[in-house]
Amino acid sequence: MALTLTLKTGDDFYADDHRLVVQEILSDTHFRISGGDRIWDIVDDRATEVIEDVFLSAGANPQIGTARVVIEAPRAVLILRGENYRRGKR
């Protein structure tokens, strides 16, 4: 089962210790994510591997100005929203 986060431009989340940031929302089902020095286009019709065994795709999103980030990863990968990671809730 996938985990879905609804995020705005500039919001971030962590997959283990890898920070991923929503850079730009292009449409309801197309946005850009950055991590380190890489940028990926995320869309709804395919999953993109951004970290080993961590795949992202875009979910249908009724809220204007947000991205619905669908995350598929092994259960061993800790996924946290940026504010939780920075508060030390690891």
N, C-alpha and C. Protein backbone atom coordinates (compact mmCIF):
# COMPACT_ATOMS: atom_id res chain seq x y z
N MET A 1 0.84 -1.18 0.00
CA MET A 1 0.00 0.00 0.00
C MET A 1 0.88 1.24 0.00
N ALA A 2 0.52 2.21 -0.79
CA ALA A 2 1.30 3.44 -0.92
C ALA A 2 0.90 4.46 0.16
N LEU A 3 1.83 5.34 0.46
CA LEU A 3 1.58 6.47 1.36
C LEU A 3 1.39 7.70 0.48
N THR A 4 0.39 8.51 0.78
CA THR A 4 0.12 9.70 0.00
C THR A 4 0.22 10.94 0.89
N LEU A 5 0.98 11.93 0.42
CA LEU A 5 1.11 13.21 1.12
C LEU A 5 0.60 14.31 0.20
N THR A 6 -0.12 15.27 0.74
CA THR A 6 -0.54 16.43 -0.01
C THR A 6 0.35 17.59 0.42
N LEU A 7 1.12 18.13 -0.54
CA LEU A 7 2.14 19.13 -0.24
C LEU A 7 2.02 20.32 -1.17
N LYS A 8 2.52 21.48 -0.72
CA LYS A 8 2.58 22.69 -1.52
C LYS A 8 4.00 22.90 -2.02
N THR A 9 4.17 23.81 -2.96
CA THR A 9 5.50 24.16 -3.44
C THR A 9 6.36 24.59 -2.25
N GLY A 10 7.55 24.04 -2.17
CA GLY A 10 8.47 24.36 -1.08
C GLY A 10 8.38 23.41 0.10
N ASP A 11 7.29 22.65 0.20
CA ASP A 11 7.17 21.65 1.28
C ASP A 11 8.15 20.51 1.01
N ASP A 12 8.60 19.90 2.10
CA ASP A 12 9.54 18.80 1.96
C ASP A 12 9.13 17.60 2.79
N PHE A 13 9.78 16.47 2.48
CA PHE A 13 9.61 15.26 3.27
C PHE A 13 10.91 14.48 3.17
N TYR A 14 11.06 13.52 4.03
CA TYR A 14 12.29 12.72 4.08
C TYR A 14 11.95 11.25 3.88
N ALA A 15 12.77 10.60 3.08
CA ALA A 15 12.75 9.14 2.95
C ALA A 15 14.09 8.70 3.53
N ASP A 16 14.02 8.13 4.74
CA ASP A 16 15.22 7.91 5.55
C ASP A 16 15.90 9.27 5.70
N ASP A 17 17.14 9.41 5.33
CA ASP A 17 17.83 10.70 5.51
C ASP A 17 17.90 11.53 4.24
N HIS A 18 17.11 11.18 3.23
CA HIS A 18 17.12 11.90 1.96
C HIS A 18 15.99 12.93 1.95
N ARG A 19 16.36 14.19 1.84
CA ARG A 19 15.36 15.27 1.80
C ARG A 19 14.86 15.44 0.36
N LEU A 20 13.54 15.47 0.21
CA LEU A 20 12.89 15.67 -1.08
C LEU A 20 11.97 16.88 -0.96
N VAL A 21 12.02 17.77 -1.95
CA VAL A 21 11.29 19.04 -1.89
C VAL A 21 10.43 19.19 -3.14
N VAL A 22 9.19 19.62 -2.95
CA VAL A 22 8.32 19.96 -4.09
C VAL A 22 8.82 21.29 -4.64
N GLN A 23 9.36 21.26 -5.85
CA GLN A 23 9.92 22.46 -6.46
C GLN A 23 8.89 23.28 -7.24
N GLU A 24 8.02 22.57 -7.96
CA GLU A 24 7.07 23.27 -8.83
C GLU A 24 5.89 22.36 -9.11
N ILE A 25 4.71 22.93 -9.07
CA ILE A 25 3.49 22.19 -9.41
C ILE A 25 3.05 22.67 -10.80
N LEU A 26 3.03 21.75 -11.75
CA LEU A 26 2.72 22.09 -13.13
C LEU A 26 1.27 21.84 -13.49
N SER A 27 0.65 20.84 -12.86
CA SER A 27 -0.77 20.56 -13.07
C SER A 27 -1.24 19.67 -11.92
N ASP A 28 -2.48 19.24 -11.97
CA ASP A 28 -3.01 18.35 -10.92
C ASP A 28 -2.22 17.06 -10.79
N THR A 29 -1.67 16.59 -11.89
CA THR A 29 -0.98 15.30 -11.88
C THR A 29 0.44 15.39 -12.45
N HIS A 30 1.09 16.53 -12.30
CA HIS A 30 2.47 16.71 -12.77
C HIS A 30 3.15 17.76 -11.90
N PHE A 31 4.24 17.36 -11.26
CA PHE A 31 5.02 18.29 -10.44
C PHE A 31 6.48 17.89 -10.48
N ARG A 32 7.32 18.78 -9.95
CA ARG A 32 8.76 18.50 -9.89
C ARG A 32 9.21 18.37 -8.45
N ILE A 33 10.05 17.37 -8.22
CA ILE A 33 10.63 17.09 -6.90
C ILE A 33 12.14 17.20 -7.03
N SER A 34 12.78 17.82 -6.04
CA SER A 34 14.24 17.84 -6.03
C SER A 34 14.75 17.08 -4.82
N GLY A 35 15.94 16.55 -4.99
CA GLY A 35 16.63 15.86 -3.91
C GLY A 35 18.12 15.92 -4.18
N GLY A 36 18.87 16.52 -3.27
CA GLY A 36 20.29 16.72 -3.53
C GLY A 36 20.43 17.65 -4.72
N ASP A 37 21.16 17.21 -5.72
CA ASP A 37 21.36 18.04 -6.92
C ASP A 37 20.53 17.55 -8.11
N ARG A 38 19.52 16.74 -7.86
CA ARG A 38 18.68 16.18 -8.93
C ARG A 38 17.27 16.73 -8.87
N ILE A 39 16.62 16.77 -10.02
CA ILE A 39 15.21 17.16 -10.13
C ILE A 39 14.52 16.12 -11.00
N TRP A 40 13.35 15.68 -10.52
CA TRP A 40 12.56 14.68 -11.26
C TRP A 40 11.20 15.26 -11.59
N ASP A 41 10.69 14.93 -12.77
CA ASP A 41 9.31 15.22 -13.13
C ASP A 41 8.49 14.03 -12.67
N ILE A 42 7.49 14.31 -11.86
CA ILE A 42 6.62 13.26 -11.31
C ILE A 42 5.25 13.41 -11.96
N VAL A 43 4.75 12.31 -12.51
CA VAL A 43 3.46 12.32 -13.20
C VAL A 43 2.60 11.17 -12.70
N ASP A 44 1.37 11.12 -13.17
CA ASP A 44 0.42 10.12 -12.66
C ASP A 44 0.48 8.78 -13.38
N ASP A 45 1.06 8.72 -14.58
CA ASP A 45 0.99 7.48 -15.34
C ASP A 45 2.22 6.58 -15.22
N ARG A 46 3.19 6.96 -14.37
CA ARG A 46 4.35 6.10 -14.13
C ARG A 46 5.00 6.48 -12.81
N ALA A 47 5.62 5.50 -12.19
CA ALA A 47 6.35 5.73 -10.94
C ALA A 47 7.82 6.00 -11.28
N THR A 48 8.42 6.95 -10.56
CA THR A 48 9.81 7.33 -10.78
C THR A 48 10.62 6.99 -9.54
N GLU A 49 11.70 6.25 -9.72
CA GLU A 49 12.57 5.91 -8.60
C GLU A 49 13.46 7.11 -8.27
N VAL A 50 13.33 7.66 -7.07
CA VAL A 50 14.11 8.83 -6.67
C VAL A 50 15.23 8.47 -5.70
N ILE A 51 15.07 7.39 -5.00
CA ILE A 51 16.08 6.82 -4.11
C ILE A 51 15.93 5.31 -4.30
N GLU A 52 16.96 4.56 -4.03
CA GLU A 52 16.88 3.13 -4.22
C GLU A 52 15.64 2.54 -3.54
N ASP A 53 14.79 1.90 -4.32
CA ASP A 53 13.55 1.25 -3.87
C ASP A 53 12.46 2.22 -3.40
N VAL A 54 12.62 3.52 -3.63
CA VAL A 54 11.59 4.52 -3.28
C VAL A 54 11.10 5.14 -4.58
N PHE A 55 9.81 4.92 -4.85
CA PHE A 55 9.19 5.37 -6.10
C PHE A 55 8.12 6.41 -5.80
N LEU A 56 8.06 7.46 -6.63
CA LEU A 56 7.04 8.50 -6.50
C LEU A 56 6.20 8.56 -7.76
N SER A 57 4.93 8.88 -7.57
CA SER A 57 4.04 9.19 -8.67
C SER A 57 3.06 10.25 -8.18
N ALA A 58 2.29 10.80 -9.10
CA ALA A 58 1.31 11.83 -8.77
C ALA A 58 -0.06 11.21 -8.65
N GLY A 59 -0.77 11.55 -7.61
CA GLY A 59 -2.13 11.10 -7.44
C GLY A 59 -3.12 12.16 -7.89
N ALA A 60 -4.33 11.75 -8.16
CA ALA A 60 -5.37 12.70 -8.53
C ALA A 60 -5.54 13.68 -7.37
N ASN A 61 -5.65 14.96 -7.69
CA ASN A 61 -5.63 15.97 -6.64
C ASN A 61 -6.72 17.02 -6.86
N PRO A 62 -7.72 17.04 -6.01
CA PRO A 62 -8.78 18.03 -6.18
C PRO A 62 -8.42 19.43 -5.64
N GLN A 63 -7.36 19.55 -4.85
CA GLN A 63 -7.02 20.84 -4.24
C GLN A 63 -6.08 21.63 -5.15
N ILE A 64 -6.49 22.82 -5.52
CA ILE A 64 -5.67 23.67 -6.38
C ILE A 64 -4.44 24.13 -5.60
N GLY A 65 -3.29 24.11 -6.26
CA GLY A 65 -2.06 24.59 -5.64
C GLY A 65 -1.34 23.59 -4.76
N THR A 66 -1.74 22.33 -4.81
CA THR A 66 -1.05 21.29 -4.05
C THR A 66 -0.69 20.13 -4.96
N ALA A 67 0.27 19.35 -4.49
CA ALA A 67 0.66 18.12 -5.19
C ALA A 67 0.32 16.95 -4.30
N ARG A 68 -0.27 15.94 -4.89
CA ARG A 68 -0.53 14.71 -4.15
C ARG A 68 0.60 13.74 -4.49
N VAL A 69 1.52 13.56 -3.54
CA VAL A 69 2.72 12.75 -3.74
C VAL A 69 2.42 11.33 -3.26
N VAL A 70 2.45 10.38 -4.18
CA VAL A 70 2.22 8.97 -3.86
C VAL A 70 3.59 8.32 -3.72
N ILE A 71 3.86 7.77 -2.54
CA ILE A 71 5.16 7.19 -2.22
C ILE A 71 5.02 5.68 -2.05
N GLU A 72 5.81 4.94 -2.81
CA GLU A 72 5.87 3.49 -2.66
C GLU A 72 7.29 3.14 -2.25
N ALA A 73 7.42 2.52 -1.06
CA ALA A 73 8.74 2.20 -0.52
C ALA A 73 8.60 1.00 0.40
N PRO A 74 9.70 0.30 0.64
CA PRO A 74 9.65 -0.79 1.61
C PRO A 74 9.29 -0.25 3.00
N ARG A 75 8.65 -1.07 3.80
CA ARG A 75 8.25 -0.64 5.15
C ARG A 75 9.44 -0.22 6.01
N ALA A 76 10.62 -0.70 5.70
CA ALA A 76 11.81 -0.35 6.48
C ALA A 76 12.26 1.10 6.24
N VAL A 77 11.78 1.74 5.17
CA VAL A 77 12.16 3.12 4.87
C VAL A 77 11.27 4.06 5.68
N LEU A 78 11.89 4.88 6.53
CA LEU A 78 11.16 5.84 7.34
C LEU A 78 10.80 7.05 6.49
N ILE A 79 9.50 7.38 6.43
CA ILE A 79 9.01 8.54 5.68
C ILE A 79 8.47 9.54 6.69
N LEU A 80 8.98 10.77 6.65
CA LEU A 80 8.53 11.82 7.56
C LEU A 80 8.34 13.12 6.80
N ARG A 81 7.31 13.88 7.16
CA ARG A 81 7.18 15.24 6.65
C ARG A 81 8.34 16.04 7.20
N GLY A 82 8.75 17.06 6.50
CA GLY A 82 9.91 17.85 6.88
C GLY A 82 9.85 18.40 8.29
N GLU A 83 8.69 18.93 8.70
CA GLU A 83 8.61 19.53 10.04
C GLU A 83 8.82 18.48 11.13
N ASN A 84 8.36 17.26 10.92
CA ASN A 84 8.56 16.19 11.91
C ASN A 84 10.03 15.77 11.96
N TYR A 85 10.67 15.71 10.83
CA TYR A 85 12.07 15.33 10.76
C TYR A 85 12.92 16.36 11.51
N ARG A 86 12.66 17.63 11.26
CA ARG A 86 13.44 18.70 11.90
C ARG A 86 13.20 18.79 13.40
N ARG A 87 12.03 18.34 13.86
CA ARG A 87 11.74 18.34 15.30
C ARG A 87 12.36 17.16 16.02
N GLY A 88 13.01 16.28 15.26
CA GLY A 88 13.68 15.15 15.87
C GLY A 88 12.78 13.99 16.20
N LYS A 89 11.65 13.86 15.52
CA LYS A 89 10.71 12.77 15.79
C LYS A 89 11.05 11.55 14.96
N ARG A 90 12.31 11.23 14.87
CA ARG A 90 12.76 10.07 14.10
C ARG A 90 12.64 8.90 14.95
